[in-house]
Amino acid sequence: MSQSYFRAVALGAVAGIVAGLFGVGGGVIVVPGLVLWLALTQREASGTSSATIVASSAAAVISFGVSGSVDWRAAALILVGSVVGAWIGAWIAGRVDERPLAITFALVLAVAGVRMLF
């Protein structure tokens, strides 16, 4: 197996574990990993991460659902907004230069990290 294949599988495993533990993974783990470890552009990393979220989320929701840890009403309501928001976000990402996109992503992660500490 080539090194890039190994890195991609390892990145997916880490993202899956983090998603299962904390409910995050795609944006927080996969996007930076794809950019820094697999040399994808910010736009490619965002698209690739979005593609992987479907399967990893399904696996996690099955496990959480079986244990009764999903508020299905809240999930359905959030799903409506997130589908529309994801479409708009992907549309915007396709029209923004890479550098501002990467900087904005880094700032969002930094602000989220600081807010979670306090």
Protein backbone atom coordinates (compact mmCIF):
# COMPACT_ATOMS: atom_id res chain seq x y z
CA MET A 1 0.00 0.00 0.00
CA SER A 2 1.42 3.40 -0.93
CA GLN A 3 2.10 5.96 1.75
CA SER A 4 -0.74 8.24 0.59
CA TYR A 5 -3.23 5.35 0.83
CA PHE A 6 -2.02 4.53 4.32
CA ARG A 7 -2.29 8.21 5.32
CA ALA A 8 -5.83 8.46 3.94
CA VAL A 9 -6.96 5.33 5.84
CA ALA A 10 -5.25 6.50 9.04
CA LEU A 11 -6.84 9.94 8.69
CA GLY A 12 -10.24 8.32 8.23
CA ALA A 13 -9.75 6.15 11.30
CA VAL A 14 -8.79 9.10 13.49
CA ALA A 15 -11.71 11.15 12.15
CA GLY A 16 -14.08 8.26 12.80
CA ILE A 17 -12.92 7.84 16.37
CA VAL A 18 -13.15 11.58 17.03
CA ALA A 19 -16.59 11.73 15.38
CA GLY A 20 -17.80 8.87 17.54
CA LEU A 21 -16.45 10.43 20.72
CA PHE A 22 -17.28 14.09 20.18
CA GLY A 23 -19.67 14.34 17.21
CA VAL A 24 -17.10 16.08 15.01
CA GLY A 25 -14.58 14.81 12.52
CA GLY A 26 -15.12 15.92 8.94
CA GLY A 27 -14.27 19.56 9.24
CA VAL A 28 -12.12 19.44 12.31
CA ILE A 29 -9.94 16.44 11.50
CA VAL A 30 -10.35 15.48 7.85
CA VAL A 31 -10.05 18.90 6.20
CA PRO A 32 -6.80 19.90 7.94
CA GLY A 33 -5.46 16.36 7.46
CA LEU A 34 -6.20 16.43 3.74
CA VAL A 35 -4.57 19.83 3.33
CA LEU A 36 -1.53 19.26 5.55
CA TRP A 37 -0.93 15.53 5.18
CA LEU A 38 -2.23 14.68 1.71
CA ALA A 39 -1.54 18.06 0.00
CA LEU A 40 -5.07 18.68 -1.27
CA THR A 41 -6.26 22.23 -1.83
CA GLN A 42 -8.68 23.73 0.68
CA ARG A 43 -11.53 23.40 -1.82
CA GLU A 44 -10.66 19.76 -2.62
CA ALA A 45 -10.38 18.98 1.10
CA SER A 46 -13.80 20.49 1.80
CA GLY A 47 -15.42 18.52 -0.99
CA THR A 48 -13.66 15.29 -0.09
CA SER A 49 -14.55 15.68 3.57
CA SER A 50 -18.18 16.27 2.68
CA ALA A 51 -18.20 13.06 0.65
CA THR A 52 -16.85 11.03 3.58
CA ILE A 53 -19.23 12.47 6.15
CA VAL A 54 -22.19 10.53 4.76
CA ALA A 55 -20.84 7.07 5.59
CA SER A 56 -19.15 7.99 8.87
CA SER A 57 -22.25 9.79 10.11
CA ALA A 58 -24.42 6.82 9.20
CA ALA A 59 -22.18 4.49 11.21
CA ALA A 60 -22.24 6.81 14.23
CA VAL A 61 -25.98 7.47 14.07
CA ILE A 62 -26.70 3.74 14.03
CA SER A 63 -24.65 3.24 17.17
CA PHE A 64 -26.10 6.31 18.93
CA GLY A 65 -29.61 5.45 17.73
CA VAL A 66 -29.47 1.89 19.04
CA SER A 67 -28.44 3.21 22.45
CA GLY A 68 -31.26 5.79 22.47
CA SER A 69 -28.89 8.75 22.34
CA VAL A 70 -30.49 10.60 19.40
CA ASP A 71 -33.16 13.28 19.68
CA TRP A 72 -34.79 12.45 16.33
CA ARG A 73 -37.02 15.54 16.32
CA ALA A 74 -34.08 17.89 16.82
CA ALA A 75 -32.04 15.93 14.27
CA ALA A 76 -34.80 16.26 11.65
CA LEU A 77 -35.14 20.00 12.21
CA ILE A 78 -31.39 20.57 12.06
CA LEU A 79 -31.20 18.44 8.92
CA VAL A 80 -33.53 20.80 7.06
CA GLY A 81 -31.32 23.80 7.75
CA SER A 82 -28.07 21.95 7.25
CA VAL A 83 -29.02 20.65 3.80
CA VAL A 84 -29.83 24.15 2.58
CA GLY A 85 -26.81 25.62 4.35
CA ALA A 86 -24.43 23.00 2.97
CA TRP A 87 -25.62 23.66 -0.57
CA ILE A 88 -25.13 27.42 -0.14
CA GLY A 89 -21.73 26.93 1.52
CA ALA A 90 -20.49 24.65 -1.25
CA TRP A 91 -21.71 27.14 -3.85
CA ILE A 92 -19.83 29.98 -2.12
CA ALA A 93 -16.69 27.85 -1.64
CA GLY A 94 -16.58 27.23 -5.37
CA ARG A 95 -16.42 30.97 -6.00
CA VAL A 96 -13.98 32.12 -3.31
CA ASP A 97 -10.20 32.13 -3.71
CA GLU A 98 -8.37 29.34 -1.87
CA ARG A 99 -6.37 31.55 0.51
CA PRO A 100 -9.30 33.45 2.09
CA LEU A 101 -11.20 30.17 2.31
CA ALA A 102 -8.33 28.52 4.22
CA ILE A 103 -7.86 31.53 6.49
CA THR A 104 -11.56 31.69 7.33
CA PHE A 105 -11.59 27.96 8.08
CA ALA A 106 -8.59 28.31 10.40
CA LEU A 107 -10.22 31.24 12.19
CA VAL A 108 -13.46 29.32 12.71
CA LEU A 109 -11.51 26.40 14.21
CA ALA A 110 -9.50 28.73 16.45
CA VAL A 111 -12.58 30.58 17.73
CA ALA A 112 -14.42 27.31 18.35
CA GLY A 113 -11.42 25.92 20.23
CA VAL A 114 -11.09 28.99 22.45
CA ARG A 115 -14.84 29.11 23.16
CA MET A 116 -14.83 25.48 24.22
CA LEU A 117 -12.12 26.17 26.77
CA PHE A 118 -14.21 28.80 28.60
